Each structure stands twice: as structure tokens, then as C-alpha cells.
């Protein structure tokens, strides 16, 4: 009998209808596996988890086809996850799951299939209590943006991001990205942390990213150029860097980054290209959110360089993009908060 862990993790090909048929076959197989075998608790839990995940995947495909979600299937998936949770916090080593994953996926189903944010948030809290970085991150975002029925509370958001940072590289890039998020909260929203200011958290993000690179031997893990650009802008705000330091410290990242829009911004900041070439490259970027990234970074950079004419130009272009990407609106607001910071 094929290993149950191969069921949902095997590659899926074809169109949405073919993938739905594949996941339905997986559910049939898993039902037989559960009914016909004397299983250990870990094997049973893993099979229940995968059957729930297959059900969730079917509803995701329905969404892609603009079809109504199957709520009965969603309830069956929740039932499988609850049965797995009832087995307790057992060791799933070798089964490609963890106890916290049951709560995470229950939250996803309640949020996106059953549209019950209150119950989804309750599962996220249970999941976060088990140290799951994804759940911690979603809760942090909920407090940062006032979603999942929560009141906006940046202090709580930062507290959850700190817990993610404490996981180090256990959840790959989550720790580095949370450290960088804290740096941005401090700079743009005036948050204060005992550990240090924006520069401390930006350095922490880079340290975690570099640690992960060493561990997994992947030089571009966690979008290092993105982290480097933010760190450089914080340094400029603190008067601790020349406008060309990015070229000296991160030249290899600029040259080899797989993210063209980040390379475009970095090349402008290093003086490798001038505004006219930058403008042409940005105009050719297909993604509105990536264009916003470049325009926001350019406006921030020129504000710190005391070039208000260039900063105003890119602020206006950013406003023009706001109709194409909701993320632009938040970036426009953040530009009003660009300031010099203490170099401590």
C-alpha cells in the first residue's frame, strides 16, 4: 500500500476540474486506508489530516472556478481535523504534519469556506499557543489591520511578531520577515521596543536571513535584497550611510537577485541608473504591486536624500497606481511619516 503521506503531496497537474477529480480520489483512498487498517495514533492522525486537506483543496479549486463552495464537505473536513485534535499532541515525525497544523487548517476552513472569522480566530489562537509561526503571523496581521473581528492594536501585533522572531529559522523566513515588520512598525508607526530601534530589528532580520542561507544553502532565501534595501533606508534615516553604501555592501545581491523590481530600485539607490532609466523599467513592470514597491522606495529614498522634487514626482506616480493596487494606499500614507531617526 502506498504511503499515506504521498497522497496530497504528490504533484498535481491539469486544469481545475482534473485536480478536483484527483483530490476526490485521494479522499476515497484515505477513507479506505482509515477503515481497513489497524493504525497507530500518528498514522490515523496523519490520514485524517490529509483527508481534511484534500477536502479543503477541492473547495479552493471550486473558488478558482467561481463555483459555490461545498459547505457539507467543509464540515466533513472540520470533523476530520477535530478527530485528529482529539488524539492529542502526539509525535508526527515522519508523517509530514504537526499537531499545530490541525488548528491552522481548521482556521483556514472556517475563515475561507464557512466565513466564520470568530471561530477561525479561536483556532488561530490555539495554533499560536503551540508556536506555529503562520498562526502567530496571521494573528499579528489581524491586530495590525483590525481584521478577524479584532480591534487594531499595533502593540499586540509587535508582541506576536516577537514570538515569531524567537522561532529563529525553524519556520524558514518567518523570523526574518517578522523582525523586518517590527522595524517598519517602529519607523512608520512610532512603536517602541525594549530591544532597540529600527536599526536593531533590521539587523536582526538580516542576521536571521543569513543564518537560513547557511543552513539551506540558498543565497536568495527570504528576499535578501528586500531586507537590505529596508536596512539601508533606515541607515540613511539615521545618517549612518552614504547614498552609495548599498552598492558596496550588497552589490552581489543587486547583481544576482531573482526579483527584477527590487533590482530596479536598488540600482536607482546605488546610482547605477538614473531616474529616466528607472522610470522606463518601472513602467515595464507588469505587476501593479511591484510598481508600487519601486515608486514607494524611490520616494522614500529621495526624501531622505533631501531631493523633494524627485520625491514629489514618485509620490504622485504612486498615487496614480493606487487604483490598480490597494497596497499603494498604505504606502502613500507611510510617505507622510518618513523622518530622521536617532543613530543609537
Protein backbone atom coordinates (compact mmCIF):
# COMPACT_ATOMS: atom_id res chain seq x y z
CA UNK A 1 0.00 0.00 0.00
CA UNK A 2 1.41 3.41 -0.90
CA UNK A 3 2.45 5.63 1.95
CA UNK A 4 -0.41 7.87 3.07
CA UNK A 5 1.95 10.87 3.15
CA UNK A 6 2.28 10.65 -0.64
CA UNK A 7 -1.42 11.28 -1.19
CA UNK A 8 -1.75 15.04 -1.07
CA UNK A 9 1.92 15.93 -1.50
CA UNK A 10 2.21 14.26 -4.90
CA UNK A 11 2.36 16.77 -7.77
CA UNK A 12 -0.98 17.96 -9.13
CA UNK A 13 -1.26 18.65 -12.83
CA UNK A 14 -4.01 19.50 -15.27
CA UNK A 15 -6.83 22.01 -15.06
CA UNK A 16 -9.05 22.74 -12.06
CA UNK A 17 -11.54 20.00 -12.93
CA UNK A 18 -8.76 17.40 -13.19
CA UNK A 19 -7.30 18.50 -9.86
CA UNK A 20 -10.71 18.24 -8.19
CA UNK A 21 -11.03 14.68 -9.51
CA UNK A 22 -7.55 13.90 -8.17
CA UNK A 23 -8.39 15.21 -4.69
CA UNK A 24 -11.67 13.28 -4.69
CA UNK A 25 -9.75 10.10 -5.47
CA UNK A 26 -7.39 10.91 -2.62
CA UNK A 27 -10.33 11.20 -0.23
CA UNK A 28 -11.68 7.81 -1.34
CA UNK A 29 -8.26 6.24 -0.84
CA UNK A 30 -7.86 7.81 2.58
CA UNK A 31 -11.30 6.60 3.69
CA UNK A 32 -10.33 3.06 2.77
CA UNK A 33 -6.97 3.50 4.50
CA UNK A 34 -8.72 4.64 7.68
CA UNK A 35 -11.42 1.94 7.56
CA UNK A 36 -9.35 -1.08 6.62
CA UNK A 37 -6.19 -0.75 8.68
CA UNK A 38 -5.17 -1.08 12.31
CA UNK A 39 -3.33 2.21 12.58
CA UNK A 40 -1.10 3.83 15.12
CA UNK A 41 -2.31 7.14 16.51
CA UNK A 42 0.20 9.01 14.35
CA UNK A 43 -0.85 7.16 11.18
CA UNK A 44 -4.53 7.74 11.87
CA UNK A 45 -3.98 11.39 12.69
CA UNK A 46 -1.95 11.92 9.52
CA UNK A 47 -4.62 10.25 7.38
CA UNK A 48 -7.36 12.38 8.95
CA UNK A 49 -5.29 15.49 8.39
CA UNK A 50 -4.65 14.68 4.74
CA UNK A 51 -8.30 13.85 4.08
CA UNK A 52 -9.29 17.22 5.56
CA UNK A 53 -6.63 18.91 3.45
CA UNK A 54 -7.93 17.19 0.31
CA UNK A 55 -11.44 18.42 1.09
CA UNK A 56 -10.11 21.94 1.61
CA UNK A 57 -8.22 21.71 -1.68
CA UNK A 58 -11.42 20.79 -3.52
CA UNK A 59 -13.16 23.89 -2.19
CA UNK A 60 -10.16 26.01 -3.15
CA UNK A 61 -10.49 24.68 -6.70
CA UNK A 62 -14.22 25.44 -6.65
CA UNK A 63 -13.33 29.01 -5.76
CA UNK A 64 -10.95 29.20 -8.71
CA UNK A 65 -13.82 28.06 -10.93
CA UNK A 66 -16.14 30.64 -9.31
CA UNK A 67 -18.34 27.80 -8.09
CA UNK A 68 -20.20 27.73 -4.79
CA UNK A 69 -18.19 26.14 -2.01
CA UNK A 70 -19.37 22.77 -0.70
CA UNK A 71 -20.20 23.53 2.94
CA UNK A 72 -21.01 19.89 3.71
CA UNK A 73 -17.51 18.98 2.55
CA UNK A 74 -16.08 21.80 4.68
CA UNK A 75 -17.88 20.39 7.73
CA UNK A 76 -16.51 16.91 6.98
CA UNK A 77 -13.01 18.37 6.83
CA UNK A 78 -13.54 20.10 10.16
CA UNK A 79 -14.78 16.81 11.63
CA UNK A 80 -11.59 15.06 10.47
CA UNK A 81 -9.42 17.78 11.97
CA UNK A 82 -11.33 17.70 15.26
CA UNK A 83 -10.90 13.92 15.45
CA UNK A 84 -7.17 14.41 14.85
CA UNK A 85 -7.02 17.08 17.54
CA UNK A 86 -8.77 14.71 19.96
CA UNK A 87 -5.90 12.23 19.51
CA UNK A 88 -3.73 14.69 21.43
CA UNK A 89 -0.33 16.23 20.91
CA UNK A 90 1.39 13.13 19.56
CA UNK A 91 4.66 12.82 17.67
CA UNK A 92 4.12 13.14 13.90
CA UNK A 93 7.76 12.75 12.95
CA UNK A 94 7.90 11.14 9.51
CA UNK A 95 4.26 11.91 8.70
CA UNK A 96 4.75 15.41 7.23
CA UNK A 97 2.44 17.11 9.69
CA UNK A 98 2.40 18.56 13.18
CA UNK A 99 -0.26 18.86 15.85
CA UNK A 100 -0.44 22.64 15.30
CA UNK A 101 -1.27 22.08 11.61
CA UNK A 102 -4.70 20.70 12.57
CA UNK A 103 -5.64 24.01 14.19
CA UNK A 104 -4.14 26.08 11.36
CA UNK A 105 -6.13 24.28 8.68
CA UNK A 106 -9.33 24.37 10.74
CA UNK A 107 -8.88 28.14 10.94
CA UNK A 108 -8.41 28.32 7.16
CA UNK A 109 -11.60 26.36 6.53
CA UNK A 110 -13.66 28.41 8.97
CA UNK A 111 -12.32 31.65 7.50
CA UNK A 112 -12.49 30.99 3.77
CA UNK A 113 -15.11 28.28 3.37
CA UNK A 114 -17.53 28.78 6.25
CA UNK A 115 -16.90 32.54 6.53
CA UNK A 116 -16.82 32.37 10.33
CA UNK A 117 -13.97 34.66 11.38
CA UNK A 118 -14.72 34.41 15.10
CA UNK A 119 -14.28 30.64 15.18
CA UNK A 120 -11.31 30.86 12.79
CA UNK A 121 -9.57 33.29 15.16
CA UNK A 122 -10.17 30.95 18.11
CA UNK A 123 -8.40 28.14 16.23
CA UNK A 124 -5.57 30.52 15.30
CA UNK A 125 -5.05 31.35 18.96
CA UNK A 126 -4.82 27.66 19.87
CA UNK A 127 -2.41 27.14 16.99
CA UNK A 128 -0.31 30.14 18.01
CA UNK A 129 -0.08 28.81 21.57
CA UNK A 130 1.72 25.81 20.06
CA UNK A 131 4.32 28.12 18.49
CA UNK A 132 3.14 27.86 14.87
CA UNK A 133 4.71 30.85 13.10
CA UNK A 134 2.00 31.00 10.43
CA UNK A 135 -0.75 31.35 13.04
CA UNK A 136 1.27 33.89 15.01
CA UNK A 137 1.76 35.89 11.80
CA UNK A 138 -1.95 35.85 10.90
CA UNK A 139 -2.86 36.98 14.42
CA UNK A 140 -0.22 39.71 14.24
CA UNK A 141 -1.70 40.90 10.93
CA UNK A 142 -5.20 40.78 12.44
CA UNK A 143 -4.12 43.13 15.23
CA UNK A 144 -2.16 45.33 12.81
CA UNK A 145 -5.07 45.74 10.38
CA UNK A 146 -8.14 45.21 12.55
CA UNK A 147 -9.29 42.02 10.80
CA UNK A 148 -10.85 38.79 12.15
CA UNK A 149 -13.12 40.98 14.27
CA UNK A 150 -10.20 42.32 16.32
CA UNK A 151 -9.54 45.89 17.35
CA UNK A 152 -6.44 47.40 15.75
CA UNK A 153 -3.60 47.12 18.28
CA UNK A 154 -0.05 47.55 16.98
CA UNK A 155 1.49 46.73 20.35
CA UNK A 156 -0.18 43.30 20.29
CA UNK A 157 0.89 42.88 16.66
CA UNK A 158 4.52 43.56 17.59
CA UNK A 159 4.26 41.17 20.55
CA UNK A 160 3.21 38.36 18.24
CA UNK A 161 5.90 39.21 15.70
CA UNK A 162 8.48 38.99 18.51
CA UNK A 163 7.32 35.46 19.24
CA UNK A 164 7.87 34.62 15.57
CA UNK A 165 11.37 36.13 15.69
CA UNK A 166 12.05 33.87 18.68
CA UNK A 167 11.43 30.83 16.45
CA UNK A 168 14.60 31.79 14.56
CA UNK A 169 14.80 29.84 11.32
CA UNK A 170 12.56 26.95 12.43
CA UNK A 171 9.85 28.26 10.12
CA UNK A 172 12.25 29.29 7.38
CA UNK A 173 11.84 33.01 6.58
CA UNK A 174 9.11 33.80 9.12
CA UNK A 175 11.53 35.06 11.79
CA UNK A 176 13.43 37.34 9.43
CA UNK A 177 10.27 38.79 7.92
CA UNK A 178 8.73 39.44 11.34
CA UNK A 179 11.88 41.24 12.50
CA UNK A 180 11.69 43.45 9.42
CA UNK A 181 7.99 44.07 10.03
CA UNK A 182 8.77 45.24 13.57
CA UNK A 183 11.41 47.62 12.18
CA UNK A 184 8.79 49.13 9.87
CA UNK A 185 6.22 49.44 12.68
CA UNK A 186 8.77 51.33 14.76
CA UNK A 187 9.76 53.66 11.94
CA UNK A 188 6.37 54.40 10.40
CA UNK A 189 4.01 53.94 13.35
CA UNK A 190 6.07 55.15 16.29
CA UNK A 191 6.17 51.85 18.19
CA UNK A 192 8.88 51.46 20.84
CA UNK A 193 10.52 48.17 21.85
CA UNK A 194 12.85 47.42 24.75
CA UNK A 195 15.26 45.60 22.47
CA UNK A 196 16.10 48.57 20.26
CA UNK A 197 15.02 50.80 17.40
CA UNK A 198 14.54 50.23 13.68
CA UNK A 199 18.23 49.57 13.13
CA UNK A 200 18.28 46.80 15.74
CA UNK A 201 15.36 44.96 14.14
CA UNK A 202 16.63 45.48 10.59
CA UNK A 203 19.97 43.95 11.63
CA UNK A 204 18.10 41.10 13.32
CA UNK A 205 16.20 40.42 10.09
CA UNK A 206 19.43 40.27 8.11
CA UNK A 207 21.09 38.04 10.72
CA UNK A 208 18.24 35.51 10.59
CA UNK A 209 18.18 35.61 6.79
CA UNK A 210 21.92 34.96 6.59
CA UNK A 211 21.64 32.15 9.13
CA UNK A 212 19.00 30.47 6.97
CA UNK A 213 21.16 30.89 3.86
CA UNK A 214 23.93 29.00 5.67
CA UNK A 215 21.53 26.27 6.75
CA UNK A 216 19.77 25.60 3.45
CA UNK A 217 22.50 26.75 1.03
CA UNK A 218 20.12 29.05 -0.87
CA UNK A 219 21.59 32.55 -1.38
CA UNK A 220 18.26 34.24 -2.10
CA UNK A 221 16.21 32.83 0.78
CA UNK A 222 13.80 35.40 2.24
CA UNK A 223 14.35 38.02 -0.48
CA UNK A 224 17.63 39.34 0.97
CA UNK A 225 17.72 42.34 -1.35
CA UNK A 226 14.35 43.50 0.01
CA UNK A 227 15.68 43.27 3.58
CA UNK A 228 18.90 45.00 2.53
CA UNK A 229 17.02 47.90 0.92
CA UNK A 230 14.97 48.50 4.07
CA UNK A 231 18.05 48.28 6.27
CA UNK A 232 19.85 50.77 4.03
CA UNK A 233 16.96 53.24 4.14
CA UNK A 234 16.85 53.03 7.93
CA UNK A 235 20.61 53.72 7.98
CA UNK A 236 20.13 56.71 5.70
CA UNK A 237 17.41 57.98 8.04
CA UNK A 238 19.88 57.70 10.91
CA UNK A 239 22.64 59.47 8.96
CA UNK A 240 24.79 56.36 9.16
CA UNK A 241 25.25 55.62 5.47
CA UNK A 242 26.14 57.35 2.25
CA UNK A 243 23.71 57.04 -0.65
CA UNK A 244 26.12 54.61 -2.35
CA UNK A 245 26.67 52.22 0.55
CA UNK A 246 24.15 49.75 -0.84
CA UNK A 247 26.42 49.17 -3.83
CA UNK A 248 29.42 48.46 -1.61
CA UNK A 249 27.68 46.23 0.93
CA UNK A 250 25.11 44.45 -1.22
CA UNK A 251 26.45 44.66 -4.75
CA UNK A 252 26.33 40.91 -5.24
CA UNK A 253 22.68 40.82 -4.16
CA UNK A 254 21.77 43.51 -6.68
CA UNK A 255 23.52 41.60 -9.44
CA UNK A 256 22.04 38.19 -8.73
CA UNK A 257 18.61 38.88 -7.18
CA UNK A 258 15.80 36.96 -8.91
CA UNK A 259 13.38 39.85 -8.21
CA UNK A 260 13.63 42.35 -11.11
CA UNK A 261 11.61 45.10 -9.41
CA UNK A 262 13.85 45.00 -6.34
CA UNK A 263 16.92 45.16 -8.58
CA UNK A 264 15.45 48.20 -10.34
CA UNK A 265 15.00 50.07 -7.05
CA UNK A 266 18.42 49.04 -5.75
CA UNK A 267 20.11 50.17 -8.97
CA UNK A 268 18.48 53.59 -8.60
CA UNK A 269 19.63 53.86 -4.98
CA UNK A 270 23.21 52.92 -5.85
CA UNK A 271 23.37 55.41 -8.71
CA UNK A 272 23.79 52.63 -11.27
CA UNK A 273 20.82 54.02 -13.21
CA UNK A 274 19.32 57.49 -13.34
CA UNK A 275 15.70 58.46 -12.96
CA UNK A 276 14.87 58.28 -16.67
CA UNK A 277 16.02 54.65 -16.94
CA UNK A 278 14.38 53.81 -13.63
CA UNK A 279 11.10 55.28 -14.89
CA UNK A 280 11.25 53.17 -18.05
CA UNK A 281 11.97 49.97 -16.12
CA UNK A 282 9.16 50.63 -13.62
CA UNK A 283 6.66 51.34 -16.42
CA UNK A 284 7.50 47.94 -17.94
CA UNK A 285 6.85 46.02 -14.69
CA UNK A 286 3.60 44.02 -15.21
CA UNK A 287 2.56 43.82 -11.54
CA UNK A 288 0.90 46.90 -10.03
CA UNK A 289 2.05 45.94 -6.52
CA UNK A 290 5.65 45.62 -7.76
CA UNK A 291 5.41 49.04 -9.42
CA UNK A 292 4.14 50.45 -6.12
CA UNK A 293 7.10 48.87 -4.34
CA UNK A 294 9.54 50.68 -6.64
CA UNK A 295 7.76 54.04 -6.56
CA UNK A 296 7.41 53.98 -2.78
CA UNK A 297 11.07 53.05 -2.32
CA UNK A 298 12.17 55.80 -4.70
CA UNK A 299 10.06 58.43 -2.95
CA UNK A 300 11.34 57.33 0.47
CA UNK A 301 14.94 57.36 -0.78
CA UNK A 302 14.71 60.84 -2.30
CA UNK A 303 13.02 62.27 0.79
CA UNK A 304 15.99 61.07 2.84
CA UNK A 305 18.35 62.49 0.21
CA UNK A 306 16.58 65.87 0.56
CA UNK A 307 15.53 65.82 -3.10
CA UNK A 308 11.95 66.93 -2.60
CA UNK A 309 11.33 67.44 -6.32
CA UNK A 310 12.12 63.79 -7.14
CA UNK A 311 10.31 62.59 -4.02
CA UNK A 312 7.18 64.50 -5.03
CA UNK A 313 7.34 63.06 -8.54
CA UNK A 314 7.36 59.48 -7.27
CA UNK A 315 4.72 60.22 -4.66
CA UNK A 316 2.42 61.46 -7.44
CA UNK A 317 3.15 58.38 -9.56
CA UNK A 318 2.39 56.21 -6.54
CA UNK A 319 -0.97 57.94 -6.11
CA UNK A 320 -1.69 57.20 -9.77
CA UNK A 321 -1.10 53.49 -9.13
CA UNK A 322 -3.41 53.36 -6.11
CA UNK A 323 -6.40 52.45 -8.29
CA UNK A 324 -4.52 49.37 -9.52
CA UNK A 325 -3.24 48.09 -6.18
CA UNK A 326 -4.74 48.52 -2.69
CA UNK A 327 -1.23 48.22 -1.20
CA UNK A 328 -0.36 51.59 -2.74
CA UNK A 329 -2.75 53.43 -0.41
CA UNK A 330 -0.90 52.31 2.71
CA UNK A 331 2.43 53.22 1.13
CA UNK A 332 1.17 56.74 0.32
CA UNK A 333 0.23 57.21 3.98
CA UNK A 334 3.62 55.93 5.09
CA UNK A 335 5.43 58.52 2.98
CA UNK A 336 3.94 61.22 5.21
CA UNK A 337 5.80 59.63 8.12
CA UNK A 338 9.31 59.49 6.63
CA UNK A 339 11.67 61.11 9.14
CA UNK A 340 15.20 61.16 10.51
CA UNK A 341 15.91 58.84 13.41
CA UNK A 342 18.42 58.58 16.23
CA UNK A 343 21.53 56.63 15.26
CA UNK A 344 21.72 54.85 18.63
